Amino acid sequence: MKRLLLLLFMIFLLGGCGAETDKSKSYFKTIKEKIGKKAMVLEIGASSCKTCINMKKTIDALKLNNPNLPIHIIDVYDDMSVFSYFKIQMIPTQVVINEKGQEVYRHIGGLSGEEMLKLVELSKKY
């Protein structure tokens, strides 16, 4: 009986880890597919970074009032290829991308909600 419970626990543990990783990677792939089609702001950070955690809270608060804001949070731990794809040197980094898929602005560090909204407007301007 103990072996059966241990086996079930191991299957549950391993099965859950794989599903979470695949879902996270598919989110980054989804974002890459939108580049060049929609203007957006990308918040690139990590779940272990204090400033990144504060940025996530700020963005979540903004999205409560406007869920359609084109701000996307990408955690580098979900897919490390984010570093090379966007040439990230430090986190958090905000990357502003216009509808043509061009990077029009980049900021390294934390921002306020008001500053994030200005980045959204900047993404639509160019």
N, C-alpha and C. Protein backbone atom coordinates (compact mmCIF):
# COMPACT_ATOMS: atom_id res chain seq x y z
N MET A 1 0.82 -1.19 0.00
CA MET A 1 0.00 0.00 0.00
C MET A 1 0.87 1.26 0.00
N LYS A 2 1.94 1.25 0.82
CA LYS A 2 2.84 2.40 0.87
C LYS A 2 3.50 2.63 -0.48
N ARG A 3 3.88 1.54 -1.14
CA ARG A 3 4.52 1.66 -2.45
C ARG A 3 3.56 2.25 -3.47
N LEU A 4 2.32 1.85 -3.41
CA LEU A 4 1.31 2.36 -4.33
C LEU A 4 1.11 3.85 -4.12
N LEU A 5 1.00 4.27 -2.88
CA LEU A 5 0.86 5.69 -2.58
C LEU A 5 2.07 6.49 -3.02
N LEU A 6 3.25 5.94 -2.80
CA LEU A 6 4.48 6.60 -3.22
C LEU A 6 4.52 6.72 -4.74
N LEU A 7 4.14 5.67 -5.43
CA LEU A 7 4.12 5.68 -6.89
C LEU A 7 3.13 6.73 -7.41
N LEU A 8 1.94 6.78 -6.84
CA LEU A 8 0.95 7.77 -7.24
C LEU A 8 1.44 9.19 -6.98
N PHE A 9 2.08 9.40 -5.86
CA PHE A 9 2.63 10.71 -5.52
C PHE A 9 3.68 11.13 -6.54
N MET A 10 4.57 10.20 -6.92
CA MET A 10 5.64 10.50 -7.88
C MET A 10 5.04 10.84 -9.26
N ILE A 11 4.04 10.10 -9.68
CA ILE A 11 3.40 10.36 -10.97
C ILE A 11 2.74 11.74 -10.95
N PHE A 12 2.05 12.05 -9.88
CA PHE A 12 1.40 13.36 -9.74
C PHE A 12 2.43 14.47 -9.75
N LEU A 13 3.51 14.31 -9.02
CA LEU A 13 4.56 15.32 -8.93
C LEU A 13 5.23 15.55 -10.27
N LEU A 14 5.65 14.50 -10.94
CA LEU A 14 6.33 14.62 -12.22
C LEU A 14 5.38 15.08 -13.33
N GLY A 15 4.19 14.62 -13.30
CA GLY A 15 3.21 15.01 -14.31
C GLY A 15 2.86 16.48 -14.24
N GLY A 16 2.73 17.02 -13.06
CA GLY A 16 2.41 18.43 -12.89
C GLY A 16 3.53 19.34 -13.33
N CYS A 17 4.77 18.96 -13.10
CA CYS A 17 5.91 19.80 -13.47
C CYS A 17 6.00 19.96 -14.97
N GLY A 18 5.84 18.90 -15.70
CA GLY A 18 5.96 18.97 -17.15
C GLY A 18 4.87 19.82 -17.77
N ALA A 19 3.67 19.72 -17.27
CA ALA A 19 2.57 20.49 -17.84
C ALA A 19 2.77 21.97 -17.62
N GLU A 20 3.26 22.36 -16.47
CA GLU A 20 3.46 23.77 -16.18
C GLU A 20 4.53 24.37 -17.09
N THR A 21 5.60 23.66 -17.28
CA THR A 21 6.68 24.15 -18.14
C THR A 21 6.20 24.32 -19.57
N ASP A 22 5.47 23.35 -20.10
CA ASP A 22 4.99 23.44 -21.47
C ASP A 22 4.06 24.63 -21.65
N LYS A 23 3.19 24.88 -20.68
CA LYS A 23 2.25 25.98 -20.76
C LYS A 23 2.99 27.31 -20.78
N SER A 24 4.02 27.45 -19.95
CA SER A 24 4.78 28.68 -19.89
C SER A 24 5.50 28.94 -21.21
N LYS A 25 6.11 27.91 -21.77
CA LYS A 25 6.83 28.08 -23.02
C LYS A 25 5.86 28.43 -24.14
N SER A 26 4.68 27.84 -24.16
CA SER A 26 3.73 28.15 -25.21
C SER A 26 3.25 29.60 -25.10
N TYR A 27 3.24 30.17 -23.89
CA TYR A 27 2.86 31.58 -23.74
C TYR A 27 3.88 32.47 -24.43
N PHE A 28 5.17 32.21 -24.24
CA PHE A 28 6.20 33.01 -24.91
C PHE A 28 6.09 32.85 -26.43
N LYS A 29 5.82 31.65 -26.90
CA LYS A 29 5.64 31.43 -28.33
C LYS A 29 4.44 32.23 -28.84
N THR A 30 3.39 32.29 -28.07
CA THR A 30 2.21 33.07 -28.44
C THR A 30 2.56 34.55 -28.56
N ILE A 31 3.35 35.05 -27.63
CA ILE A 31 3.77 36.45 -27.68
C ILE A 31 4.61 36.70 -28.93
N LYS A 32 5.54 35.81 -29.22
CA LYS A 32 6.38 35.98 -30.41
C LYS A 32 5.53 36.02 -31.69
N GLU A 33 4.46 35.25 -31.72
CA GLU A 33 3.58 35.24 -32.89
C GLU A 33 2.83 36.56 -33.05
N LYS A 34 2.61 37.29 -31.98
CA LYS A 34 1.89 38.56 -32.03
C LYS A 34 2.79 39.72 -32.44
N ILE A 35 4.10 39.55 -32.33
CA ILE A 35 5.03 40.62 -32.68
C ILE A 35 4.92 40.88 -34.18
N GLY A 36 4.75 42.14 -34.53
CA GLY A 36 4.57 42.52 -35.93
C GLY A 36 3.11 42.60 -36.33
N LYS A 37 2.22 42.23 -35.42
CA LYS A 37 0.79 42.29 -35.69
C LYS A 37 0.09 43.28 -34.77
N LYS A 38 0.63 43.41 -33.55
CA LYS A 38 0.03 44.30 -32.56
C LYS A 38 1.12 45.06 -31.81
N ALA A 39 0.81 46.30 -31.45
CA ALA A 39 1.72 47.06 -30.59
C ALA A 39 1.60 46.50 -29.18
N MET A 40 2.73 46.46 -28.46
CA MET A 40 2.70 45.88 -27.13
C MET A 40 3.88 46.34 -26.29
N VAL A 41 3.75 46.14 -24.99
CA VAL A 41 4.84 46.36 -24.05
C VAL A 41 5.11 45.03 -23.37
N LEU A 42 6.36 44.65 -23.35
CA LEU A 42 6.75 43.40 -22.71
C LEU A 42 7.49 43.71 -21.42
N GLU A 43 7.05 43.11 -20.35
CA GLU A 43 7.73 43.20 -19.05
C GLU A 43 8.49 41.90 -18.89
N ILE A 44 9.80 41.98 -19.00
CA ILE A 44 10.64 40.78 -18.93
C ILE A 44 11.34 40.78 -17.58
N GLY A 45 11.08 39.74 -16.80
CA GLY A 45 11.65 39.66 -15.46
C GLY A 45 11.73 38.22 -14.99
N ALA A 46 11.81 38.08 -13.67
CA ALA A 46 11.92 36.75 -13.06
C ALA A 46 11.11 36.71 -11.77
N SER A 47 10.60 35.54 -11.47
CA SER A 47 9.79 35.37 -10.27
C SER A 47 10.60 35.49 -8.99
N SER A 48 11.92 35.48 -9.08
CA SER A 48 12.76 35.58 -7.89
C SER A 48 13.33 36.99 -7.69
N CYS A 49 13.01 37.91 -8.57
CA CYS A 49 13.53 39.28 -8.54
C CYS A 49 12.52 40.19 -7.84
N LYS A 50 12.94 40.88 -6.80
CA LYS A 50 12.02 41.71 -6.01
C LYS A 50 11.38 42.82 -6.84
N THR A 51 12.19 43.51 -7.63
CA THR A 51 11.64 44.59 -8.47
C THR A 51 10.69 44.02 -9.52
N CYS A 52 11.01 42.84 -10.05
CA CYS A 52 10.14 42.19 -11.03
C CYS A 52 8.79 41.82 -10.40
N ILE A 53 8.83 41.36 -9.18
CA ILE A 53 7.60 41.00 -8.46
C ILE A 53 6.74 42.25 -8.26
N ASN A 54 7.38 43.37 -7.90
CA ASN A 54 6.65 44.63 -7.75
C ASN A 54 6.06 45.10 -9.08
N MET A 55 6.80 44.90 -10.17
CA MET A 55 6.30 45.26 -11.49
C MET A 55 5.07 44.42 -11.84
N LYS A 56 5.11 43.15 -11.53
CA LYS A 56 3.97 42.27 -11.80
C LYS A 56 2.74 42.76 -11.04
N LYS A 57 2.93 43.15 -9.77
CA LYS A 57 1.81 43.68 -8.98
C LYS A 57 1.24 44.95 -9.61
N THR A 58 2.13 45.82 -10.07
CA THR A 58 1.71 47.08 -10.71
C THR A 58 0.91 46.80 -11.97
N ILE A 59 1.41 45.89 -12.80
CA ILE A 59 0.73 45.56 -14.06
C ILE A 59 -0.60 44.87 -13.79
N ASP A 60 -0.63 43.97 -12.82
CA ASP A 60 -1.89 43.31 -12.46
C ASP A 60 -2.93 44.33 -12.01
N ALA A 61 -2.51 45.34 -11.26
CA ALA A 61 -3.44 46.39 -10.81
C ALA A 61 -3.95 47.19 -12.01
N LEU A 62 -3.08 47.50 -12.97
CA LEU A 62 -3.50 48.22 -14.17
C LEU A 62 -4.50 47.40 -14.97
N LYS A 63 -4.26 46.11 -15.05
CA LYS A 63 -5.12 45.24 -15.86
C LYS A 63 -6.47 44.98 -15.19
N LEU A 64 -6.58 45.24 -13.90
CA LEU A 64 -7.89 45.14 -13.24
C LEU A 64 -8.85 46.18 -13.83
N ASN A 65 -8.32 47.37 -14.08
CA ASN A 65 -9.13 48.45 -14.65
C ASN A 65 -9.30 48.31 -16.16
N ASN A 66 -8.30 47.75 -16.82
CA ASN A 66 -8.34 47.59 -18.28
C ASN A 66 -7.68 46.27 -18.67
N PRO A 67 -8.43 45.19 -18.69
CA PRO A 67 -7.85 43.87 -18.96
C PRO A 67 -7.25 43.73 -20.37
N ASN A 68 -7.60 44.64 -21.28
CA ASN A 68 -7.10 44.55 -22.65
C ASN A 68 -5.81 45.33 -22.89
N LEU A 69 -5.21 45.83 -21.83
CA LEU A 69 -3.94 46.54 -21.99
C LEU A 69 -2.92 45.60 -22.65
N PRO A 70 -2.21 46.08 -23.66
CA PRO A 70 -1.25 45.22 -24.36
C PRO A 70 0.10 45.14 -23.63
N ILE A 71 0.04 44.75 -22.37
CA ILE A 71 1.25 44.56 -21.56
C ILE A 71 1.33 43.07 -21.25
N HIS A 72 2.47 42.48 -21.56
CA HIS A 72 2.65 41.04 -21.35
C HIS A 72 3.85 40.81 -20.44
N ILE A 73 3.66 39.98 -19.44
CA ILE A 73 4.72 39.65 -18.49
C ILE A 73 5.36 38.34 -18.91
N ILE A 74 6.67 38.37 -19.11
CA ILE A 74 7.41 37.18 -19.49
C ILE A 74 8.43 36.87 -18.41
N ASP A 75 8.34 35.68 -17.84
CA ASP A 75 9.28 35.25 -16.81
C ASP A 75 10.42 34.49 -17.49
N VAL A 76 11.64 34.96 -17.31
CA VAL A 76 12.79 34.36 -17.98
C VAL A 76 13.01 32.91 -17.55
N TYR A 77 12.53 32.54 -16.36
CA TYR A 77 12.69 31.16 -15.91
C TYR A 77 11.79 30.20 -16.68
N ASP A 78 10.73 30.73 -17.30
CA ASP A 78 9.84 29.89 -18.09
C ASP A 78 10.46 29.52 -19.44
N ASP A 79 11.25 30.42 -19.98
CA ASP A 79 11.92 30.15 -21.26
C ASP A 79 13.15 31.06 -21.35
N MET A 80 14.31 30.47 -21.15
CA MET A 80 15.56 31.24 -21.11
C MET A 80 15.93 31.84 -22.47
N SER A 81 15.30 31.40 -23.55
CA SER A 81 15.60 31.97 -24.86
C SER A 81 15.17 33.43 -24.96
N VAL A 82 14.38 33.89 -23.99
CA VAL A 82 13.97 35.30 -23.93
C VAL A 82 15.21 36.20 -23.87
N PHE A 83 16.23 35.77 -23.14
CA PHE A 83 17.45 36.56 -23.01
C PHE A 83 18.07 36.86 -24.37
N SER A 84 18.26 35.85 -25.17
CA SER A 84 18.91 36.06 -26.47
C SER A 84 17.96 36.71 -27.47
N TYR A 85 16.69 36.33 -27.44
CA TYR A 85 15.72 36.86 -28.40
C TYR A 85 15.61 38.39 -28.28
N PHE A 86 15.55 38.89 -27.05
CA PHE A 86 15.42 40.33 -26.82
C PHE A 86 16.73 40.99 -26.39
N LYS A 87 17.81 40.23 -26.36
CA LYS A 87 19.13 40.74 -25.95
C LYS A 87 19.05 41.42 -24.58
N ILE A 88 18.51 40.70 -23.62
CA ILE A 88 18.33 41.21 -22.26
C ILE A 88 19.65 41.16 -21.51
N GLN A 89 20.00 42.28 -20.88
CA GLN A 89 21.22 42.36 -20.09
C GLN A 89 20.93 42.36 -18.60
N MET A 90 19.82 42.98 -18.21
CA MET A 90 19.42 43.05 -16.80
C MET A 90 17.90 42.95 -16.73
N ILE A 91 17.41 42.54 -15.58
CA ILE A 91 15.96 42.49 -15.36
C ILE A 91 15.61 43.32 -14.13
N PRO A 92 14.41 43.88 -14.11
CA PRO A 92 13.38 43.85 -15.14
C PRO A 92 13.74 44.78 -16.31
N THR A 93 13.27 44.39 -17.49
CA THR A 93 13.41 45.20 -18.69
C THR A 93 12.04 45.30 -19.35
N GLN A 94 11.67 46.51 -19.73
CA GLN A 94 10.44 46.72 -20.47
C GLN A 94 10.83 47.01 -21.92
N VAL A 95 10.24 46.27 -22.84
CA VAL A 95 10.51 46.44 -24.26
C VAL A 95 9.22 46.90 -24.93
N VAL A 96 9.29 48.04 -25.62
CA VAL A 96 8.12 48.60 -26.32
C VAL A 96 8.25 48.24 -27.79
N ILE A 97 7.23 47.59 -28.32
CA ILE A 97 7.24 47.12 -29.70
C ILE A 97 6.03 47.71 -30.43
N ASN A 98 6.28 48.29 -31.62
CA ASN A 98 5.18 48.87 -32.39
C ASN A 98 4.49 47.80 -33.23
N GLU A 99 3.46 48.20 -33.99
CA GLU A 99 2.69 47.25 -34.80
C GLU A 99 3.53 46.60 -35.89
N LYS A 100 4.61 47.25 -36.29
CA LYS A 100 5.48 46.70 -37.34
C LYS A 100 6.46 45.67 -36.78
N GLY A 101 6.44 45.49 -35.47
CA GLY A 101 7.34 44.54 -34.84
C GLY A 101 8.70 45.13 -34.49
N GLN A 102 8.83 46.44 -34.58
CA GLN A 102 10.09 47.12 -34.28
C GLN A 102 10.14 47.54 -32.83
N GLU A 103 11.29 47.36 -32.22
CA GLU A 103 11.49 47.86 -30.86
C GLU A 103 11.68 49.37 -30.95
N VAL A 104 10.82 50.12 -30.26
CA VAL A 104 10.91 51.58 -30.32
C VAL A 104 11.46 52.19 -29.03
N TYR A 105 11.49 51.39 -27.97
CA TYR A 105 12.00 51.90 -26.69
C TYR A 105 12.28 50.72 -25.77
N ARG A 106 13.23 50.95 -24.87
CA ARG A 106 13.58 49.93 -23.89
C ARG A 106 13.94 50.64 -22.59
N HIS A 107 13.49 50.05 -21.48
CA HIS A 107 13.81 50.59 -20.16
C HIS A 107 14.25 49.45 -19.26
N ILE A 108 15.28 49.69 -18.47
CA ILE A 108 15.75 48.70 -17.51
C ILE A 108 15.45 49.23 -16.11
N GLY A 109 14.75 48.43 -15.31
CA GLY A 109 14.42 48.81 -13.95
C GLY A 109 12.91 48.88 -13.74
N GLY A 110 12.53 49.26 -12.53
CA GLY A 110 11.12 49.33 -12.18
C GLY A 110 10.47 50.62 -12.66
N LEU A 111 9.17 50.58 -12.87
CA LEU A 111 8.39 51.73 -13.29
C LEU A 111 7.08 51.79 -12.51
N SER A 112 6.49 52.96 -12.46
CA SER A 112 5.18 53.12 -11.83
C SER A 112 4.10 52.73 -12.84
N GLY A 113 2.89 52.62 -12.36
CA GLY A 113 1.77 52.31 -13.24
C GLY A 113 1.58 53.39 -14.30
N GLU A 114 1.73 54.64 -13.90
CA GLU A 114 1.59 55.75 -14.83
C GLU A 114 2.65 55.68 -15.93
N GLU A 115 3.86 55.34 -15.55
CA GLU A 115 4.93 55.21 -16.53
C GLU A 115 4.68 54.05 -17.49
N MET A 116 4.11 52.97 -16.98
CA MET A 116 3.78 51.82 -17.84
C MET A 116 2.71 52.21 -18.86
N LEU A 117 1.74 53.00 -18.44
CA LEU A 117 0.70 53.45 -19.37
C LEU A 117 1.29 54.35 -20.45
N LYS A 118 2.29 55.13 -20.11
CA LYS A 118 2.97 55.96 -21.11
C LYS A 118 3.69 55.09 -22.13
N LEU A 119 4.25 53.96 -21.68
CA LEU A 119 4.90 53.05 -22.61
C LEU A 119 3.89 52.43 -23.58
N VAL A 120 2.68 52.14 -23.08
CA VAL A 120 1.63 51.60 -23.95
C VAL A 120 1.31 52.61 -25.04
N GLU A 121 1.17 53.87 -24.66
CA GLU A 121 0.88 54.92 -25.64
C GLU A 121 2.03 55.06 -26.63
N LEU A 122 3.25 54.95 -26.15
CA LEU A 122 4.42 55.04 -27.01
C LEU A 122 4.43 53.92 -28.05
N SER A 123 3.98 52.73 -27.66
CA SER A 123 3.96 51.60 -28.59
C SER A 123 3.00 51.85 -29.75
N LYS A 124 1.95 52.62 -29.51
CA LYS A 124 0.96 52.92 -30.55
C LYS A 124 1.35 54.12 -31.40
N LYS A 125 2.26 54.92 -30.88
CA LYS A 125 2.63 56.19 -31.54
C LYS A 125 3.50 55.97 -32.77
N TYR A 126 4.38 55.02 -32.73
CA TYR A 126 5.35 54.85 -33.83
C TYR A 126 4.94 53.76 -34.77
